[in-house]
Structures are given as C-alpha cells and as structure tokens.
Amino acid sequence: MTSLFILLQAVANISMGYLGAAIGAGLATIGAGLGIGKIGQGAMEGMARQPEAGGDIRSTMIIAAALVEGVAFFAVVVCLLVVLK
C-alpha cells in the first residue's frame, strides 16, 4: 500500500496532503449520502407504520438530513482548504 502512494506521488507529482484531502472529500460525500439514505429509509418505514404521524416524521427527517449535509459540507470545505493552502 505504501509503495502505491510513493508511486502515485512520483508519477503524478502531487503531495500526500493533496491525496489525503481528495480521499477525505470523497469519503465525506459518500458518508453523507449513506447517512441521508438511512434517514430516508427510517422515515419511510415510520410513515408506513404510522401514516398519521407522517408530517412530524417528514419534518424531523428534513432537519436531520440538513444537519448531516452540513457536516459533510464542512468536511469537504476543510479538505479543499488543505488543497488550496
């Protein structure tokens, strides 16, 4: 694994910080997508079990998804700041 990073650094002429920032931004995006998907899945199951609570569940789902997206956006901005520094 280490030899792969050394080879990548030699061939592409990029530093490990840039590579780490790119991988971090990708992982943050993937994690946010999975988290929002799980939130949506739970909300749909909850609404299927109790249709009368659909409005409350929907608003809670939107708030939770916005918080997850905010954390992911923060992580991507931090990774971009590493690249731009």
PDB file of N, CA and C in Angstrom:
ATOM      1  N   MET A   1       0.825  -1.186   0.000  1.00  0.00           N
ATOM      2  CA  MET A   1       0.000   0.000   0.000  1.00  0.00           C
ATOM      3  C   MET A   1       0.872   1.253   0.000  1.00  0.00           C
ATOM      4  N   THR A   2       1.911   1.265   0.805  1.00  0.00           N
ATOM      5  CA  THR A   2       2.793   2.423   0.856  1.00  0.00           C
ATOM      6  C   THR A   2       3.496   2.625  -0.471  1.00  0.00           C
ATOM      7  N   SER A   3       3.885   1.532  -1.111  1.00  0.00           N
ATOM      8  CA  SER A   3       4.555   1.663  -2.404  1.00  0.00           C
ATOM      9  C   SER A   3       3.620   2.263  -3.450  1.00  0.00           C
ATOM     10  N   LEU A   4       2.331   2.003  -3.326  1.00  0.00           N
ATOM     11  CA  LEU A   4       1.365   2.591  -4.252  1.00  0.00           C
ATOM     12  C   LEU A   4       1.325   4.109  -4.085  1.00  0.00           C
ATOM     13  N   PHE A   5       1.344   4.587  -2.841  1.00  0.00           N
ATOM     14  CA  PHE A   5       1.347   6.031  -2.612  1.00  0.00           C
ATOM     15  C   PHE A   5       2.638   6.667  -3.107  1.00  0.00           C
ATOM     16  N   ILE A   6       3.756   5.992  -2.908  1.00  0.00           N
ATOM     17  CA  ILE A   6       5.030   6.524  -3.376  1.00  0.00           C
ATOM     18  C   ILE A   6       5.042   6.590  -4.899  1.00  0.00           C
ATOM     19  N   LEU A   7       4.539   5.545  -5.539  1.00  0.00           N
ATOM     20  CA  LEU A   7       4.463   5.523  -6.992  1.00  0.00           C
ATOM     21  C   LEU A   7       3.527   6.605  -7.504  1.00  0.00           C
ATOM     22  N   LEU A   8       2.389   6.782  -6.840  1.00  0.00           N
ATOM     23  CA  LEU A   8       1.445   7.817  -7.247  1.00  0.00           C
ATOM     24  C   LEU A   8       2.043   9.204  -7.082  1.00  0.00           C
ATOM     25  N   GLN A   9       2.777   9.399  -6.019  1.00  0.00           N
ATOM     26  CA  GLN A   9       3.410  10.685  -5.790  1.00  0.00           C
ATOM     27  C   GLN A   9       4.479  10.962  -6.839  1.00  0.00           C
ATOM     28  N   ALA A  10       5.224   9.944  -7.206  1.00  0.00           N
ATOM     29  CA  ALA A  10       6.287  10.128  -8.186  1.00  0.00           C
ATOM     30  C   ALA A  10       5.720  10.372  -9.578  1.00  0.00           C
ATOM     31  N   VAL A  11       4.663   9.652  -9.928  1.00  0.00           N
ATOM     32  CA  VAL A  11       4.108   9.761 -11.281  1.00  0.00           C
ATOM     33  C   VAL A  11       3.300  11.040 -11.443  1.00  0.00           C
ATOM     34  N   ALA A  12       2.421  11.319 -10.523  1.00  0.00           N
ATOM     35  CA  ALA A  12       1.511  12.450 -10.680  1.00  0.00           C
ATOM     36  C   ALA A  12       2.080  13.743 -10.116  1.00  0.00           C
ATOM     37  N   ASN A  13       3.196  13.670  -9.398  1.00  0.00           N
ATOM     38  CA  ASN A  13       3.842  14.835  -8.825  1.00  0.00           C
ATOM     39  C   ASN A  13       2.897  15.617  -7.906  1.00  0.00           C
ATOM     40  N   ILE A  14       2.176  14.886  -7.060  1.00  0.00           N
ATOM     41  CA  ILE A  14       1.308  15.519  -6.067  1.00  0.00           C
ATOM     42  C   ILE A  14       1.774  15.092  -4.687  1.00  0.00           C
ATOM     43  N   SER A  15       1.517  15.905  -3.707  1.00  0.00           N
ATOM     44  CA  SER A  15       1.942  15.563  -2.361  1.00  0.00           C
ATOM     45  C   SER A  15       0.893  14.701  -1.681  1.00  0.00           C
ATOM     46  N   MET A  16       1.291  14.120  -0.572  1.00  0.00           N
ATOM     47  CA  MET A  16       0.372  13.256   0.175  1.00  0.00           C
ATOM     48  C   MET A  16      -0.778  14.053   0.777  1.00  0.00           C
ATOM     49  N   GLY A  17      -0.552  15.330   1.076  1.00  0.00           N
ATOM     50  CA  GLY A  17      -1.630  16.167   1.607  1.00  0.00           C
ATOM     51  C   GLY A  17      -2.760  16.339   0.609  1.00  0.00           C
ATOM     52  N   TYR A  18      -2.398  16.549  -0.645  1.00  0.00           N
ATOM     53  CA  TYR A  18      -3.425  16.680  -1.679  1.00  0.00           C
ATOM     54  C   TYR A  18      -4.192  15.376  -1.861  1.00  0.00           C
ATOM     55  N   LEU A  19      -3.466  14.282  -1.841  1.00  0.00           N
ATOM     56  CA  LEU A  19      -4.111  12.977  -1.998  1.00  0.00           C
ATOM     57  C   LEU A  19      -5.030  12.698  -0.821  1.00  0.00           C
ATOM     58  N   GLY A  20      -4.570  12.998   0.381  1.00  0.00           N
ATOM     59  CA  GLY A  20      -5.406  12.790   1.560  1.00  0.00           C
ATOM     60  C   GLY A  20      -6.637  13.673   1.555  1.00  0.00           C
ATOM     61  N   ALA A  21      -6.488  14.912   1.099  1.00  0.00           N
ATOM     62  CA  ALA A  21      -7.628  15.823   1.029  1.00  0.00           C
ATOM     63  C   ALA A  21      -8.656  15.334   0.015  1.00  0.00           C
ATOM     64  N   ALA A  22      -8.181  14.840  -1.107  1.00  0.00           N
ATOM     65  CA  ALA A  22      -9.104  14.328  -2.122  1.00  0.00           C
ATOM     66  C   ALA A  22      -9.845  13.089  -1.626  1.00  0.00           C
ATOM     67  N   ILE A  23      -9.119  12.193  -0.978  1.00  0.00           N
ATOM     68  CA  ILE A  23      -9.763  10.998  -0.438  1.00  0.00           C
ATOM     69  C   ILE A  23     -10.734  11.376   0.685  1.00  0.00           C
ATOM     70  N   GLY A  24     -10.344  12.325   1.527  1.00  0.00           N
ATOM     71  CA  GLY A  24     -11.218  12.769   2.608  1.00  0.00           C
ATOM     72  C   GLY A  24     -12.503  13.394   2.099  1.00  0.00           C
ATOM     73  N   ALA A  25     -12.400  14.216   1.065  1.00  0.00           N
ATOM     74  CA  ALA A  25     -13.599  14.844   0.492  1.00  0.00           C
ATOM     75  C   ALA A  25     -14.522  13.787  -0.104  1.00  0.00           C
ATOM     76  N   GLY A  26     -13.931  12.805  -0.769  1.00  0.00           N
ATOM     77  CA  GLY A  26     -14.743  11.725  -1.333  1.00  0.00           C
ATOM     78  C   GLY A  26     -15.432  10.898  -0.265  1.00  0.00           C
ATOM     79  N   LEU A  27     -14.709  10.572   0.791  1.00  0.00           N
ATOM     80  CA  LEU A  27     -15.301   9.790   1.878  1.00  0.00           C
ATOM     81  C   LEU A  27     -16.396  10.578   2.597  1.00  0.00           C
ATOM     82  N   ALA A  28     -16.203  11.870   2.770  1.00  0.00           N
ATOM     83  CA  ALA A  28     -17.234  12.691   3.407  1.00  0.00           C
ATOM     84  C   ALA A  28     -18.509  12.718   2.570  1.00  0.00           C
ATOM     85  N   THR A  29     -18.348  12.808   1.268  1.00  0.00           N
ATOM     86  CA  THR A  29     -19.500  12.831   0.378  1.00  0.00           C
ATOM     87  C   THR A  29     -20.228  11.493   0.382  1.00  0.00           C
ATOM     88  N   ILE A  30     -19.468  10.408   0.312  1.00  0.00           N
ATOM     89  CA  ILE A  30     -20.073   9.077   0.339  1.00  0.00           C
ATOM     90  C   ILE A  30     -20.772   8.833   1.673  1.00  0.00           C
ATOM     91  N   GLY A  31     -20.125   9.219   2.774  1.00  0.00           N
ATOM     92  CA  GLY A  31     -20.726   9.035   4.090  1.00  0.00           C
ATOM     93  C   GLY A  31     -22.015   9.824   4.250  1.00  0.00           C
ATOM     94  N   ALA A  32     -22.030  11.044   3.739  1.00  0.00           N
ATOM     95  CA  ALA A  32     -23.252  11.853   3.818  1.00  0.00           C
ATOM     96  C   ALA A  32     -24.376  11.230   2.994  1.00  0.00           C
ATOM     97  N   GLY A  33     -24.040  10.730   1.833  1.00  0.00           N
ATOM     98  CA  GLY A  33     -25.056  10.077   1.006  1.00  0.00           C
ATOM     99  C   GLY A  33     -25.645   8.854   1.681  1.00  0.00           C
ATOM    100  N   LEU A  34     -24.781   8.058   2.291  1.00  0.00           N
ATOM    101  CA  LEU A  34     -25.272   6.878   3.008  1.00  0.00           C
ATOM    102  C   LEU A  34     -26.102   7.275   4.225  1.00  0.00           C
ATOM    103  N   GLY A  35     -25.665   8.305   4.941  1.00  0.00           N
ATOM    104  CA  GLY A  35     -26.406   8.748   6.119  1.00  0.00           C
ATOM    105  C   GLY A  35     -27.780   9.290   5.772  1.00  0.00           C
ATOM    106  N   ILE A  36     -27.858  10.099   4.737  1.00  0.00           N
ATOM    107  CA  ILE A  36     -29.151  10.644   4.319  1.00  0.00           C
ATOM    108  C   ILE A  36     -30.046   9.528   3.796  1.00  0.00           C
ATOM    109  N   GLY A  37     -29.463   8.547   3.143  1.00  0.00           N
ATOM    110  CA  GLY A  37     -30.244   7.394   2.690  1.00  0.00           C
ATOM    111  C   GLY A  37     -30.849   6.622   3.850  1.00  0.00           C
ATOM    112  N   LYS A  38     -30.062   6.429   4.913  1.00  0.00           N
ATOM    113  CA  LYS A  38     -30.578   5.736   6.100  1.00  0.00           C
ATOM    114  C   LYS A  38     -31.669   6.554   6.794  1.00  0.00           C
ATOM    115  N   ILE A  39     -31.506   7.866   6.811  1.00  0.00           N
ATOM    116  CA  ILE A  39     -32.537   8.726   7.397  1.00  0.00           C
ATOM    117  C   ILE A  39     -33.838   8.597   6.598  1.00  0.00           C
ATOM    118  N   GLY A  40     -33.727   8.635   5.287  1.00  0.00           N
ATOM    119  CA  GLY A  40     -34.910   8.487   4.432  1.00  0.00           C
ATOM    120  C   GLY A  40     -35.567   7.130   4.588  1.00  0.00           C
ATOM    121  N   GLN A  41     -34.747   6.089   4.703  1.00  0.00           N
ATOM    122  CA  GLN A  41     -35.287   4.746   4.885  1.00  0.00           C
ATOM    123  C   GLN A  41     -36.073   4.656   6.187  1.00  0.00           C
ATOM    124  N   GLY A  42     -35.495   5.188   7.267  1.00  0.00           N
ATOM    125  CA  GLY A  42     -36.192   5.152   8.548  1.00  0.00           C
ATOM    126  C   GLY A  42     -37.480   5.961   8.532  1.00  0.00           C
ATOM    127  N   ALA A  43     -37.441   7.100   7.855  1.00  0.00           N
ATOM    128  CA  ALA A  43     -38.642   7.929   7.774  1.00  0.00           C
ATOM    129  C   ALA A  43     -39.747   7.236   6.977  1.00  0.00           C
ATOM    130  N   MET A  44     -39.382   6.610   5.879  1.00  0.00           N
ATOM    131  CA  MET A  44     -40.393   5.913   5.081  1.00  0.00           C
ATOM    132  C   MET A  44     -41.003   4.733   5.847  1.00  0.00           C
ATOM    133  N   GLU A  45     -40.166   4.002   6.576  1.00  0.00           N
ATOM    134  CA  GLU A  45     -40.686   2.894   7.379  1.00  0.00           C
ATOM    135  C   GLU A  45     -41.594   3.410   8.491  1.00  0.00           C
ATOM    136  N   GLY A  46     -41.198   4.524   9.098  1.00  0.00           N
ATOM    137  CA  GLY A  46     -42.026   5.100  10.151  1.00  0.00           C
ATOM    138  C   GLY A  46     -43.366   5.590   9.629  1.00  0.00           C
ATOM    139  N   MET A  47     -43.359   6.213   8.456  1.00  0.00           N
ATOM    140  CA  MET A  47     -44.616   6.688   7.874  1.00  0.00           C
ATOM    141  C   MET A  47     -45.495   5.536   7.415  1.00  0.00           C
ATOM    142  N   ALA A  48     -44.872   4.434   7.002  1.00  0.00           N
ATOM    143  CA  ALA A  48     -45.666   3.274   6.590  1.00  0.00           C
ATOM    144  C   ALA A  48     -46.348   2.632   7.796  1.00  0.00           C
ATOM    145  N   ARG A  49     -45.685   2.666   8.938  1.00  0.00           N
ATOM    146  CA  ARG A  49     -46.266   2.067  10.144  1.00  0.00           C
ATOM    147  C   ARG A  49     -47.308   2.973  10.786  1.00  0.00           C
ATOM    148  N   GLN A  50     -47.068   4.284  10.748  1.00  0.00           N
ATOM    149  CA  GLN A  50     -48.000   5.243  11.346  1.00  0.00           C
ATOM    150  C   GLN A  50     -48.234   6.399  10.374  1.00  0.00           C
ATOM    151  N   PRO A  51     -49.156   6.216   9.444  1.00  0.00           N
ATOM    152  CA  PRO A  51     -49.388   7.266   8.438  1.00  0.00           C
ATOM    153  C   PRO A  51     -49.840   8.596   9.040  1.00  0.00           C
ATOM    154  N   GLU A  52     -50.495   8.557  10.191  1.00  0.00           N
ATOM    155  CA  GLU A  52     -50.974   9.807  10.788  1.00  0.00           C
ATOM    156  C   GLU A  52     -49.833  10.663  11.332  1.00  0.00           C
ATOM    157  N   ALA A  53     -48.665  10.075  11.547  1.00  0.00           N
ATOM    158  CA  ALA A  53     -47.508  10.827  12.038  1.00  0.00           C
ATOM    159  C   ALA A  53     -46.576  11.247  10.893  1.00  0.00           C
ATOM    160  N   GLY A  54     -47.065  11.178   9.677  1.00  0.00           N
ATOM    161  CA  GLY A  54     -46.231  11.469   8.507  1.00  0.00           C
ATOM    162  C   GLY A  54     -45.650  12.873   8.489  1.00  0.00           C
ATOM    163  N   GLY A  55     -46.446  13.859   8.872  1.00  0.00           N
ATOM    164  CA  GLY A  55     -45.962  15.241   8.850  1.00  0.00           C
ATOM    165  C   GLY A  55     -44.830  15.482   9.830  1.00  0.00           C
ATOM    166  N   ASP A  56     -44.990  14.953  11.042  1.00  0.00           N
ATOM    167  CA  ASP A  56     -43.931  15.115  12.049  1.00  0.00           C
ATOM    168  C   ASP A  56     -42.669  14.374  11.644  1.00  0.00           C
ATOM    169  N   ILE A  57     -42.840  13.175  11.127  1.00  0.00           N
ATOM    170  CA  ILE A  57     -41.682  12.376  10.713  1.00  0.00           C
ATOM    171  C   ILE A  57     -40.959  13.061   9.561  1.00  0.00           C
ATOM    172  N   ARG A  58     -41.721  13.602   8.621  1.00  0.00           N
ATOM    173  CA  ARG A  58     -41.123  14.263   7.457  1.00  0.00           C
ATOM    174  C   ARG A  58     -40.305  15.485   7.872  1.00  0.00           C
ATOM    175  N   SER A  59     -40.858  16.300   8.764  1.00  0.00           N
ATOM    176  CA  SER A  59     -40.114  17.498   9.176  1.00  0.00           C
ATOM    177  C   SER A  59     -38.865  17.127   9.972  1.00  0.00           C
ATOM    178  N   THR A  60     -38.959  16.097  10.797  1.00  0.00           N
ATOM    179  CA  THR A  60     -37.779  15.635  11.530  1.00  0.00           C
ATOM    180  C   THR A  60     -36.728  15.073  10.580  1.00  0.00           C
ATOM    181  N   MET A  61     -37.186  14.360   9.550  1.00  0.00           N
ATOM    182  CA  MET A  61     -36.268  13.804   8.563  1.00  0.00           C
ATOM    183  C   MET A  61     -35.536  14.916   7.818  1.00  0.00           C
ATOM    184  N   ILE A  62     -36.231  15.971   7.457  1.00  0.00           N
ATOM    185  CA  ILE A  62     -35.606  17.067   6.721  1.00  0.00           C
ATOM    186  C   ILE A  62     -34.571  17.773   7.580  1.00  0.00           C
ATOM    187  N   ILE A  63     -34.872  17.970   8.858  1.00  0.00           N
ATOM    188  CA  ILE A  63     -33.915  18.612   9.762  1.00  0.00           C
ATOM    189  C   ILE A  63     -32.670  17.746   9.934  1.00  0.00           C
ATOM    190  N   ALA A  64     -32.873  16.451  10.136  1.00  0.00           N
ATOM    191  CA  ALA A  64     -31.732  15.545  10.312  1.00  0.00           C
ATOM    192  C   ALA A  64     -30.884  15.471   9.040  1.00  0.00           C
ATOM    193  N   ALA A  65     -31.524  15.412   7.888  1.00  0.00           N
ATOM    194  CA  ALA A  65     -30.780  15.366   6.629  1.00  0.00           C
ATOM    195  C   ALA A  65     -29.999  16.657   6.409  1.00  0.00           C
ATOM    196  N   ALA A  66     -30.562  17.792   6.797  1.00  0.00           N
ATOM    197  CA  ALA A  66     -29.856  19.063   6.654  1.00  0.00           C
ATOM    198  C   ALA A  66     -28.628  19.103   7.567  1.00  0.00           C
ATOM    199  N   LEU A  67     -28.750  18.557   8.766  1.00  0.00           N
ATOM    200  CA  LEU A  67     -27.600  18.521   9.674  1.00  0.00           C
ATOM    201  C   LEU A  67     -26.498  17.622   9.129  1.00  0.00           C
ATOM    202  N   VAL A  68     -26.862  16.470   8.598  1.00  0.00           N
ATOM    203  CA  VAL A  68     -25.862  15.565   8.015  1.00  0.00           C
ATOM    204  C   VAL A  68     -25.190  16.229   6.818  1.00  0.00           C
ATOM    205  N   GLU A  69     -25.981  16.884   5.993  1.00  0.00           N
ATOM    206  CA  GLU A  69     -25.415  17.553   4.822  1.00  0.00           C
ATOM    207  C   GLU A  69     -24.495  18.701   5.230  1.00  0.00           C
ATOM    208  N   GLY A  70     -24.845  19.393   6.304  1.00  0.00           N
ATOM    209  CA  GLY A  70     -23.996  20.474   6.797  1.00  0.00           C
ATOM    210  C   GLY A  70     -22.647  19.971   7.273  1.00  0.00           C
ATOM    211  N   VAL A  71     -22.646  18.852   7.982  1.00  0.00           N
ATOM    212  CA  VAL A  71     -21.383  18.270   8.444  1.00  0.00           C
ATOM    213  C   VAL A  71     -20.542  17.805   7.258  1.00  0.00           C
ATOM    214  N   ALA A  72     -21.170  17.200   6.276  1.00  0.00           N
ATOM    215  CA  ALA A  72     -20.440  16.759   5.086  1.00  0.00           C
ATOM    216  C   ALA A  72     -19.874  17.955   4.320  1.00  0.00           C
ATOM    217  N   PHE A  73     -20.644  19.017   4.220  1.00  0.00           N
ATOM    218  CA  PHE A  73     -20.167  20.217   3.536  1.00  0.00           C
ATOM    219  C   PHE A  73     -18.968  20.807   4.270  1.00  0.00           C
ATOM    220  N   PHE A  74     -19.037  20.820   5.597  1.00  0.00           N
ATOM    221  CA  PHE A  74     -17.922  21.308   6.406  1.00  0.00           C
ATOM    222  C   PHE A  74     -16.668  20.469   6.157  1.00  0.00           C
ATOM    223  N   ALA A  75     -16.819  19.139   6.091  1.00  0.00           N
ATOM    224  CA  ALA A  75     -15.675  18.258   5.850  1.00  0.00           C
ATOM    225  C   ALA A  75     -15.070  18.502   4.467  1.00  0.00           C
ATOM    226  N   VAL A  76     -15.902  18.700   3.471  1.00  0.00           N
ATOM    227  CA  VAL A  76     -15.394  18.951   2.115  1.00  0.00           C
ATOM    228  C   VAL A  76     -14.684  20.306   2.062  1.00  0.00           C
ATOM    229  N   VAL A  77     -15.197  21.308   2.750  1.00  0.00           N
ATOM    230  CA  VAL A  77     -14.541  22.610   2.774  1.00  0.00           C
ATOM    231  C   VAL A  77     -13.187  22.516   3.458  1.00  0.00           C
ATOM    232  N   VAL A  78     -13.096  21.765   4.547  1.00  0.00           N
ATOM    233  CA  VAL A  78     -11.812  21.581   5.219  1.00  0.00           C
ATOM    234  C   VAL A  78     -10.815  20.901   4.286  1.00  0.00           C
ATOM    235  N   CYS A  79     -11.270  19.878   3.568  1.00  0.00           N
ATOM    236  CA  CYS A  79     -10.386  19.200   2.619  1.00  0.00           C
ATOM    237  C   CYS A  79      -9.950  20.143   1.500  1.00  0.00           C
ATOM    238  N   LEU A  80     -10.839  20.990   1.026  1.00  0.00           N
ATOM    239  CA  LEU A  80     -10.460  21.944  -0.017  1.00  0.00           C
ATOM    240  C   LEU A  80      -9.495  22.994   0.512  1.00  0.00           C
ATOM    241  N   LEU A  81      -9.647  23.381   1.765  1.00  0.00           N
ATOM    242  CA  LEU A  81      -8.703  24.342   2.350  1.00  0.00           C
ATOM    243  C   LEU A  81      -7.306  23.745   2.451  1.00  0.00           C
ATOM    244  N   VAL A  82      -7.226  22.445   2.696  1.00  0.00           N
ATOM    245  CA  VAL A  82      -5.918  21.784   2.723  1.00  0.00           C
ATOM    246  C   VAL A  82      -5.284  21.848   1.336  1.00  0.00           C
ATOM    247  N   VAL A  83      -6.088  21.626   0.319  1.00  0.00           N
ATOM    248  CA  VAL A  83      -5.549  21.642  -1.045  1.00  0.00           C
ATOM    249  C   VAL A  83      -5.132  23.048  -1.451  1.00  0.00           C
ATOM    250  N   LEU A  84      -5.897  24.048  -1.082  1.00  0.00           N
ATOM    251  CA  LEU A  84      -5.625  25.417  -1.509  1.00  0.00           C
ATOM    252  C   LEU A  84      -4.534  26.099  -0.689  1.00  0.00           C
ATOM    253  N   LYS A  85      -4.158  25.525   0.433  1.00  0.00           N
ATOM    254  CA  LYS A  85      -3.159  26.148   1.291  1.00  0.00           C
ATOM    255  C   LYS A  85      -1.772  26.022   0.740  1.00  0.00           C
TER     256      LYS A  85
END
